[in-house]
Amino acid sequence: MAQQATPVRRARLGRAIGPEPTAVSGVVLLLPGGDEVSHRRPGPVLVTSYVRTLGRRLMRAGGAEGLVAHVVHYRFRGWNGTDANLLSDALWAADEVVRRYGDVPVCLAGVDMGGRAALHAGGHEAVNSVLALAPWLPEEDVAASPEPVKQLAGRRVMIVHGTNDERTDPELSFRLAARAKKANREVCRFEVHSDRHGLQQHRHEVLALAEDFVMGTLFERGFSRPVQDAFAAPPPLGLRMPLASGFGKSLRR
């Protein structure tokens, strides 16, 4: 009896969140978290996490302007060392956006390991901005190459990290942001004081900040004053910008 071939796993884009506009003018690719090493299929928890809540919020804010948001469904749960599976899937997703929607600006918005994938894939020609929420980053090792940042040149980049993150050291994202800022002034980083990896304690403020950034980068709405200040401030000020309690509750400008 012939042995049945194992089907090849493929990344895919989830259905567009909310109604898809007739004319697409910007796309957000939502990159969920993952594991450092795992060849298992991602479970539904990865897909229905923070990124879907973020996607719904962004669609309410930008759907009328032609925004489309998709969750990227990975082939594997893990980054898996030099295979960098989540990076490959993020790059595939950006290619798929170009195939489906043509020449429209793309924001990569990633959480946890998806944040790392967003940062790595930021050099894709369709990407104009990267949002990394509590990005998982490897511990620095003198024997290993540092996380790349040159691909972020010409992109607007925002990193958001809780100061009490128990999964990935927020100092790692600060140091990455500092290196990126040397080559690209359009980099900022917000610190969510006392919040942990899940960014739940100040969830409303984080989501409001993400909306501010994405709408500003994709549709040139103009950033709120705190975001303007974060981009303009020299290091380390613009890379340790505190996220104010209540951000987003009042008129921003």
C-alpha atoms as a PDB file:
ATOM      1  CA  MET A   1       0.000   0.000   0.000  1.00  0.00           C
ATOM      2  CA  ALA A   2       1.505   3.337  -1.049  1.00  0.00           C
ATOM      3  CA  GLN A   3       2.333   5.724   1.771  1.00  0.00           C
ATOM      4  CA  GLN A   4       0.238   8.868   1.676  1.00  0.00           C
ATOM      5  CA  ALA A   5       2.253  12.065   1.325  1.00  0.00           C
ATOM      6  CA  THR A   6       2.091  14.494   4.212  1.00  0.00           C
ATOM      7  CA  PRO A   7       0.289  17.644   3.049  1.00  0.00           C
ATOM      8  CA  VAL A   8       2.453  20.749   2.896  1.00  0.00           C
ATOM      9  CA  ARG A   9       1.420  23.357   5.427  1.00  0.00           C
ATOM     10  CA  ARG A  10       0.743  26.796   4.051  1.00  0.00           C
ATOM     11  CA  ALA A  11       0.261  30.146   5.712  1.00  0.00           C
ATOM     12  CA  ARG A  12      -3.018  31.894   4.996  1.00  0.00           C
ATOM     13  CA  LEU A  13      -4.848  35.128   5.605  1.00  0.00           C
ATOM     14  CA  GLY A  14      -7.912  34.921   7.770  1.00  0.00           C
ATOM     15  CA  ARG A  15     -11.133  36.457   6.517  1.00  0.00           C
ATOM     16  CA  ALA A  16     -11.135  40.230   6.571  1.00  0.00           C
ATOM     17  CA  ILE A  17     -12.318  41.529   9.932  1.00  0.00           C
ATOM     18  CA  GLY A  18     -15.634  43.296   9.475  1.00  0.00           C
ATOM     19  CA  PRO A  19     -17.065  44.349   6.116  1.00  0.00           C
ATOM     20  CA  GLU A  20     -14.500  44.628   3.364  1.00  0.00           C
ATOM     21  CA  PRO A  21     -14.630  48.008   1.614  1.00  0.00           C
ATOM     22  CA  THR A  22     -15.262  48.248  -2.113  1.00  0.00           C
ATOM     23  CA  ALA A  23     -12.081  50.315  -2.518  1.00  0.00           C
ATOM     24  CA  VAL A  24      -9.107  49.240  -0.392  1.00  0.00           C
ATOM     25  CA  SER A  25      -6.680  52.017   0.505  1.00  0.00           C
ATOM     26  CA  GLY A  26      -4.675  50.438   3.355  1.00  0.00           C
ATOM     27  CA  VAL A  27      -4.108  47.037   4.956  1.00  0.00           C
ATOM     28  CA  VAL A  28      -3.176  45.933   8.461  1.00  0.00           C
ATOM     29  CA  LEU A  29      -1.649  42.476   8.818  1.00  0.00           C
ATOM     30  CA  LEU A  30      -2.154  41.218  12.366  1.00  0.00           C
ATOM     31  CA  LEU A  31       0.589  38.855  13.530  1.00  0.00           C
ATOM     32  CA  PRO A  32      -0.276  36.786  16.635  1.00  0.00           C
ATOM     33  CA  GLY A  33       2.172  35.492  19.210  1.00  0.00           C
ATOM     34  CA  GLY A  34       3.940  32.163  19.124  1.00  0.00           C
ATOM     35  CA  ASP A  35       6.676  30.042  20.648  1.00  0.00           C
ATOM     36  CA  GLU A  36      10.427  30.125  20.341  1.00  0.00           C
ATOM     37  CA  VAL A  37      10.505  26.508  19.119  1.00  0.00           C
ATOM     38  CA  SER A  38       7.475  24.502  18.022  1.00  0.00           C
ATOM     39  CA  HIS A  39       6.448  22.694  14.856  1.00  0.00           C
ATOM     40  CA  ARG A  40       2.880  22.230  16.033  1.00  0.00           C
ATOM     41  CA  ARG A  41      -0.006  23.930  14.307  1.00  0.00           C
ATOM     42  CA  PRO A  42      -1.102  27.156  15.956  1.00  0.00           C
ATOM     43  CA  GLY A  43      -4.191  26.666  18.101  1.00  0.00           C
ATOM     44  CA  PRO A  44      -7.305  28.854  17.975  1.00  0.00           C
ATOM     45  CA  VAL A  45      -6.170  30.770  21.070  1.00  0.00           C
ATOM     46  CA  LEU A  46      -3.354  32.309  19.046  1.00  0.00           C
ATOM     47  CA  VAL A  47      -5.819  33.565  16.458  1.00  0.00           C
ATOM     48  CA  THR A  48      -8.470  34.923  18.836  1.00  0.00           C
ATOM     49  CA  SER A  49      -6.096  36.776  21.127  1.00  0.00           C
ATOM     50  CA  TYR A  50      -5.159  40.442  21.428  1.00  0.00           C
ATOM     51  CA  VAL A  51      -4.731  40.836  17.677  1.00  0.00           C
ATOM     52  CA  ARG A  52      -8.393  40.207  16.860  1.00  0.00           C
ATOM     53  CA  THR A  53      -9.487  42.771  19.437  1.00  0.00           C
ATOM     54  CA  LEU A  54      -6.984  45.191  17.916  1.00  0.00           C
ATOM     55  CA  GLY A  55      -8.245  44.415  14.420  1.00  0.00           C
ATOM     56  CA  ARG A  56     -11.856  45.174  15.340  1.00  0.00           C
ATOM     57  CA  ARG A  57     -10.819  48.468  16.903  1.00  0.00           C
ATOM     58  CA  LEU A  58      -8.837  49.474  13.826  1.00  0.00           C
ATOM     59  CA  MET A  59     -11.699  48.597  11.507  1.00  0.00           C
ATOM     60  CA  ARG A  60     -14.099  50.774  13.472  1.00  0.00           C
ATOM     61  CA  ALA A  61     -11.615  53.612  13.119  1.00  0.00           C
ATOM     62  CA  GLY A  62     -10.600  53.137   9.481  1.00  0.00           C
ATOM     63  CA  GLY A  63     -13.136  50.984   7.685  1.00  0.00           C
ATOM     64  CA  ALA A  64     -14.846  53.991   6.123  1.00  0.00           C
ATOM     65  CA  GLU A  65     -11.496  55.108   4.690  1.00  0.00           C
ATOM     66  CA  GLY A  66     -10.846  51.798   2.961  1.00  0.00           C
ATOM     67  CA  LEU A  67      -8.961  49.870   5.646  1.00  0.00           C
ATOM     68  CA  VAL A  68      -8.767  46.084   5.535  1.00  0.00           C
ATOM     69  CA  ALA A  69      -7.454  43.976   8.434  1.00  0.00           C
ATOM     70  CA  HIS A  70      -6.418  40.328   8.233  1.00  0.00           C
ATOM     71  CA  VAL A  71      -5.026  37.971  10.872  1.00  0.00           C
ATOM     72  CA  VAL A  72      -2.100  35.956   9.531  1.00  0.00           C
ATOM     73  CA  HIS A  73      -2.476  32.221  10.193  1.00  0.00           C
ATOM     74  CA  TYR A  74       0.981  30.703  10.579  1.00  0.00           C
ATOM     75  CA  ARG A  75       2.094  27.268   9.459  1.00  0.00           C
ATOM     76  CA  PHE A  76       3.781  26.563  12.789  1.00  0.00           C
ATOM     77  CA  ARG A  77       3.570  27.913  16.309  1.00  0.00           C
ATOM     78  CA  GLY A  78       7.316  28.460  16.567  1.00  0.00           C
ATOM     79  CA  TRP A  79       9.965  30.783  15.177  1.00  0.00           C
ATOM     80  CA  ASN A  80      12.254  27.752  15.018  1.00  0.00           C
ATOM     81  CA  GLY A  81      15.735  29.196  14.937  1.00  0.00           C
ATOM     82  CA  THR A  82      17.248  29.962  11.567  1.00  0.00           C
ATOM     83  CA  ASP A  83      14.103  28.650   9.835  1.00  0.00           C
ATOM     84  CA  ALA A  84      12.376  31.832  11.075  1.00  0.00           C
ATOM     85  CA  ASN A  85       9.008  30.360  10.107  1.00  0.00           C
ATOM     86  CA  LEU A  86       6.952  33.285  11.408  1.00  0.00           C
ATOM     87  CA  LEU A  87       9.069  35.716   9.408  1.00  0.00           C
ATOM     88  CA  SER A  88       8.532  33.684   6.237  1.00  0.00           C
ATOM     89  CA  ASP A  89       4.786  33.671   6.851  1.00  0.00           C
ATOM     90  CA  ALA A  90       4.715  37.434   7.449  1.00  0.00           C
ATOM     91  CA  LEU A  91       6.587  38.060   4.200  1.00  0.00           C
ATOM     92  CA  TRP A  92       4.241  35.712   2.353  1.00  0.00           C
ATOM     93  CA  ALA A  93       1.259  37.607   3.785  1.00  0.00           C
ATOM     94  CA  ALA A  94       2.655  40.930   2.548  1.00  0.00           C
ATOM     95  CA  ASP A  95       3.105  39.396  -0.917  1.00  0.00           C
ATOM     96  CA  GLU A  96      -0.476  38.147  -0.770  1.00  0.00           C
ATOM     97  CA  VAL A  97      -1.736  41.642   0.063  1.00  0.00           C
ATOM     98  CA  VAL A  98      -0.005  42.979  -3.052  1.00  0.00           C
ATOM     99  CA  ARG A  99      -1.549  40.190  -5.129  1.00  0.00           C
ATOM    100  CA  ARG A 100      -5.057  40.832  -3.794  1.00  0.00           C
ATOM    101  CA  TYR A 101      -5.174  44.581  -3.359  1.00  0.00           C
ATOM    102  CA  GLY A 102      -2.379  46.038  -5.446  1.00  0.00           C
ATOM    103  CA  ASP A 103      -0.184  48.965  -4.455  1.00  0.00           C
ATOM    104  CA  VAL A 104      -1.592  49.933  -1.059  1.00  0.00           C
ATOM    105  CA  PRO A 105       0.333  50.763   2.141  1.00  0.00           C
ATOM    106  CA  VAL A 106       0.647  47.946   4.672  1.00  0.00           C
ATOM    107  CA  CYS A 107       1.117  48.108   8.428  1.00  0.00           C
ATOM    108  CA  LEU A 108       2.487  45.026  10.166  1.00  0.00           C
ATOM    109  CA  ALA A 109       1.034  44.860  13.685  1.00  0.00           C
ATOM    110  CA  GLY A 110       2.456  42.049  15.798  1.00  0.00           C
ATOM    111  CA  VAL A 111       2.122  40.870  19.388  1.00  0.00           C
ATOM    112  CA  ASP A 112       4.761  38.852  21.289  1.00  0.00           C
ATOM    113  CA  MET A 113       6.580  36.642  18.739  1.00  0.00           C
ATOM    114  CA  GLY A 114       4.423  38.283  16.083  1.00  0.00           C
ATOM    115  CA  GLY A 115       6.064  41.550  17.083  1.00  0.00           C
ATOM    116  CA  ARG A 116       9.442  40.066  16.273  1.00  0.00           C
ATOM    117  CA  ALA A 117       8.092  38.849  12.924  1.00  0.00           C
ATOM    118  CA  ALA A 118       6.716  42.330  12.172  1.00  0.00           C
ATOM    119  CA  LEU A 119      10.066  43.959  12.915  1.00  0.00           C
ATOM    120  CA  HIS A 120      11.987  41.474  10.776  1.00  0.00           C
ATOM    121  CA  ALA A 121       9.521  41.686   7.865  1.00  0.00           C
ATOM    122  CA  GLY A 122       9.375  45.484   7.932  1.00  0.00           C
ATOM    123  CA  GLY A 123      11.649  45.725   4.933  1.00  0.00           C
ATOM    124  CA  HIS A 124       9.037  44.308   2.552  1.00  0.00           C
ATOM    125  CA  GLU A 125       8.435  46.849  -0.219  1.00  0.00           C
ATOM    126  CA  ALA A 126       4.703  47.130   0.536  1.00  0.00           C
ATOM    127  CA  VAL A 127       5.206  47.884   4.246  1.00  0.00           C
ATOM    128  CA  ASN A 128       5.201  51.499   5.372  1.00  0.00           C
ATOM    129  CA  SER A 129       4.884  50.972   9.129  1.00  0.00           C
ATOM    130  CA  VAL A 130       5.494  48.450  11.911  1.00  0.00           C
ATOM    131  CA  LEU A 131       3.759  48.183  15.280  1.00  0.00           C
ATOM    132  CA  ALA A 132       5.314  45.757  17.770  1.00  0.00           C
ATOM    133  CA  LEU A 133       3.393  45.171  21.016  1.00  0.00           C
ATOM    134  CA  ALA A 134       5.413  43.464  23.753  1.00  0.00           C
ATOM    135  CA  PRO A 135       7.714  41.941  21.124  1.00  0.00           C
ATOM    136  CA  TRP A 136       9.460  38.718  22.054  1.00  0.00           C
ATOM    137  CA  LEU A 137      13.172  39.196  21.400  1.00  0.00           C
ATOM    138  CA  PRO A 138      16.038  36.768  22.046  1.00  0.00           C
ATOM    139  CA  GLU A 139      18.509  37.388  24.843  1.00  0.00           C
ATOM    140  CA  GLU A 140      21.586  39.098  23.488  1.00  0.00           C
ATOM    141  CA  ASP A 141      24.481  36.740  22.783  1.00  0.00           C
ATOM    142  CA  VAL A 142      27.961  37.921  21.785  1.00  0.00           C
ATOM    143  CA  ALA A 143      28.303  34.796  19.655  1.00  0.00           C
ATOM    144  CA  ALA A 144      25.127  35.502  17.677  1.00  0.00           C
ATOM    145  CA  SER A 145      24.231  38.295  15.292  1.00  0.00           C
ATOM    146  CA  PRO A 146      22.052  41.009  16.838  1.00  0.00           C
ATOM    147  CA  GLU A 147      18.449  41.408  15.734  1.00  0.00           C
ATOM    148  CA  PRO A 148      18.457  43.218  12.363  1.00  0.00           C
ATOM    149  CA  VAL A 149      17.284  46.845  12.119  1.00  0.00           C
ATOM    150  CA  LYS A 150      18.483  48.076   8.705  1.00  0.00           C
ATOM    151  CA  GLN A 151      15.320  46.768   7.052  1.00  0.00           C
ATOM    152  CA  LEU A 152      13.308  49.325   9.034  1.00  0.00           C
ATOM    153  CA  ALA A 153      14.823  52.318   7.245  1.00  0.00           C
ATOM    154  CA  GLY A 154      12.103  54.417   5.647  1.00  0.00           C
ATOM    155  CA  ARG A 155       9.347  52.889   7.778  1.00  0.00           C
ATOM    156  CA  ARG A 156       7.543  54.361  10.751  1.00  0.00           C
ATOM    157  CA  VAL A 157       8.079  52.090  13.726  1.00  0.00           C
ATOM    158  CA  MET A 158       6.403  51.997  17.115  1.00  0.00           C
ATOM    159  CA  ILE A 159       7.250  49.576  19.919  1.00  0.00           C
ATOM    160  CA  VAL A 160       5.057  49.287  23.022  1.00  0.00           C
ATOM    161  CA  HIS A 161       6.291  47.341  26.045  1.00  0.00           C
ATOM    162  CA  GLY A 162       5.122  46.796  29.611  1.00  0.00           C
ATOM    163  CA  THR A 163       7.785  47.581  32.202  1.00  0.00           C
ATOM    164  CA  ASN A 164       6.886  44.450  34.212  1.00  0.00           C
ATOM    165  CA  ASP A 165       6.946  42.058  31.251  1.00  0.00           C
ATOM    166  CA  GLU A 166       7.758  38.632  32.651  1.00  0.00           C
ATOM    167  CA  ARG A 167       8.227  36.881  29.285  1.00  0.00           C
ATOM    168  CA  THR A 168      10.612  39.134  27.381  1.00  0.00           C
ATOM    169  CA  ASP A 169      12.872  41.759  28.919  1.00  0.00           C
ATOM    170  CA  PRO A 170      11.661  45.257  27.941  1.00  0.00           C
ATOM    171  CA  GLU A 171      15.284  46.421  27.928  1.00  0.00           C
ATOM    172  CA  LEU A 172      15.831  44.253  24.857  1.00  0.00           C
ATOM    173  CA  SER A 173      13.230  46.197  22.886  1.00  0.00           C
ATOM    174  CA  PHE A 174      14.710  49.460  24.153  1.00  0.00           C
ATOM    175  CA  ARG A 175      18.161  48.504  22.910  1.00  0.00           C
ATOM    176  CA  LEU A 176      16.763  47.358  19.555  1.00  0.00           C
ATOM    177  CA  ALA A 177      14.857  50.656  19.221  1.00  0.00           C
ATOM    178  CA  ALA A 178      18.025  52.603  20.051  1.00  0.00           C
ATOM    179  CA  ARG A 179      19.936  50.844  17.279  1.00  0.00           C
ATOM    180  CA  ALA A 180      17.068  51.340  14.809  1.00  0.00           C
ATOM    181  CA  LYS A 181      16.815  55.041  15.686  1.00  0.00           C
ATOM    182  CA  LYS A 182      20.391  55.604  14.545  1.00  0.00           C
ATOM    183  CA  ALA A 183      19.432  54.640  10.998  1.00  0.00           C
ATOM    184  CA  ASN A 184      15.828  55.821  11.006  1.00  0.00           C
ATOM    185  CA  ARG A 185      14.529  58.803  12.957  1.00  0.00           C
ATOM    186  CA  GLU A 186      10.928  57.559  12.506  1.00  0.00           C
ATOM    187  CA  VAL A 187      11.205  55.157  15.462  1.00  0.00           C
ATOM    188  CA  CYS A 188       9.508  55.557  18.828  1.00  0.00           C
ATOM    189  CA  ARG A 189       8.835  53.366  21.826  1.00  0.00           C
ATOM    190  CA  PHE A 190       6.270  53.649  24.620  1.00  0.00           C
ATOM    191  CA  GLU A 191       6.603  52.122  28.072  1.00  0.00           C
ATOM    192  CA  VAL A 192       3.448  50.941  29.837  1.00  0.00           C
ATOM    193  CA  HIS A 193       4.395  51.304  33.468  1.00  0.00           C
ATOM    194  CA  SER A 194       3.543  48.380  35.771  1.00  0.00           C
ATOM    195  CA  ASP A 195       1.945  46.400  32.933  1.00  0.00           C
ATOM    196  CA  ARG A 196       2.943  42.825  32.187  1.00  0.00           C
ATOM    197  CA  HIS A 197       3.423  40.895  28.961  1.00  0.00           C
ATOM    198  CA  GLY A 198      -0.270  40.670  28.098  1.00  0.00           C
ATOM    199  CA  LEU A 199      -0.735  44.456  28.305  1.00  0.00           C
ATOM    200  CA  GLN A 200      -4.101  43.946  29.987  1.00  0.00           C
ATOM    201  CA  GLN A 201      -3.835  46.385  32.883  1.00  0.00           C
ATOM    202  CA  HIS A 202      -3.805  49.385  30.539  1.00  0.00           C
ATOM    203  CA  ARG A 203      -5.470  47.656  27.612  1.00  0.00           C
ATOM    204  CA  HIS A 204      -7.664  50.584  26.605  1.00  0.00           C
ATOM    205  CA  GLU A 205      -4.720  52.971  26.449  1.00  0.00           C
ATOM    206  CA  VAL A 206      -2.601  50.507  24.450  1.00  0.00           C
ATOM    207  CA  LEU A 207      -5.369  49.942  21.911  1.00  0.00           C
ATOM    208  CA  ALA A 208      -5.970  53.696  21.612  1.00  0.00           C
ATOM    209  CA  LEU A 209      -2.243  54.252  21.042  1.00  0.00           C
ATOM    210  CA  ALA A 210      -2.183  51.520  18.388  1.00  0.00           C
ATOM    211  CA  GLU A 211      -5.158  53.116  16.620  1.00  0.00           C
ATOM    212  CA  ASP A 212      -3.464  56.516  16.702  1.00  0.00           C
ATOM    213  CA  PHE A 213      -0.308  55.091  15.128  1.00  0.00           C
ATOM    214  CA  VAL A 214      -1.951  52.933  12.453  1.00  0.00           C
ATOM    215  CA  MET A 215      -4.433  55.576  11.310  1.00  0.00           C
ATOM    216  CA  GLY A 216      -1.617  58.108  11.193  1.00  0.00           C
ATOM    217  CA  THR A 217       0.728  55.946   9.159  1.00  0.00           C
ATOM    218  CA  LEU A 218      -1.794  54.509   6.698  1.00  0.00           C
ATOM    219  CA  PHE A 219      -4.077  57.515   6.213  1.00  0.00           C
ATOM    220  CA  GLU A 220      -1.927  60.489   7.293  1.00  0.00           C
ATOM    221  CA  ARG A 221      -4.505  61.528   9.883  1.00  0.00           C
ATOM    222  CA  GLY A 222      -1.901  63.230  12.017  1.00  0.00           C
ATOM    223  CA  PHE A 223      -0.590  61.756  15.231  1.00  0.00           C
ATOM    224  CA  SER A 224      -1.655  62.735  18.720  1.00  0.00           C
ATOM    225  CA  ARG A 225       0.725  65.058  20.545  1.00  0.00           C
ATOM    226  CA  PRO A 226       2.330  62.277  22.640  1.00  0.00           C
ATOM    227  CA  VAL A 227       3.140  60.287  19.501  1.00  0.00           C
ATOM    228  CA  GLN A 228       4.486  63.376  17.735  1.00  0.00           C
ATOM    229  CA  ASP A 229       6.671  64.072  20.759  1.00  0.00           C
ATOM    230  CA  ALA A 230       7.900  60.478  20.902  1.00  0.00           C
ATOM    231  CA  PHE A 231       9.040  60.564  17.277  1.00  0.00           C
ATOM    232  CA  ALA A 232      10.643  63.983  17.647  1.00  0.00           C
ATOM    233  CA  ALA A 233      12.426  63.471  20.970  1.00  0.00           C
ATOM    234  CA  PRO A 234      16.078  62.410  20.856  1.00  0.00           C
ATOM    235  CA  PRO A 235      17.090  59.104  22.445  1.00  0.00           C
ATOM    236  CA  PRO A 236      16.519  57.955  25.047  1.00  0.00           C
ATOM    237  CA  LEU A 237      13.470  60.192  25.671  1.00  0.00           C
ATOM    238  CA  GLY A 238      11.500  59.153  22.606  1.00  0.00           C
ATOM    239  CA  LEU A 239      12.265  55.510  23.282  1.00  0.00           C
ATOM    240  CA  ARG A 240      11.125  55.561  26.920  1.00  0.00           C
ATOM    241  CA  MET A 241       7.952  57.579  26.431  1.00  0.00           C
ATOM    242  CA  PRO A 242       5.485  56.780  29.231  1.00  0.00           C
ATOM    243  CA  LEU A 243       1.987  55.865  28.075  1.00  0.00           C
ATOM    244  CA  ALA A 244      -0.255  58.166  30.063  1.00  0.00           C
ATOM    245  CA  SER A 245      -3.172  56.719  31.991  1.00  0.00           C
ATOM    246  CA  GLY A 246      -6.389  57.622  30.193  1.00  0.00           C
ATOM    247  CA  PHE A 247      -4.725  58.038  26.783  1.00  0.00           C
ATOM    248  CA  GLY A 248      -7.419  58.125  24.112  1.00  0.00           C
ATOM    249  CA  LYS A 249     -10.339  59.147  26.335  1.00  0.00           C
ATOM    250  CA  SER A 250     -10.342  62.796  25.288  1.00  0.00           C
ATOM    251  CA  LEU A 251      -9.742  64.623  22.034  1.00  0.00           C
ATOM    252  CA  ARG A 252      -6.109  63.916  21.251  1.00  0.00           C
ATOM    253  CA  ARG A 253      -4.896  67.075  19.564  1.00  0.00           C
END
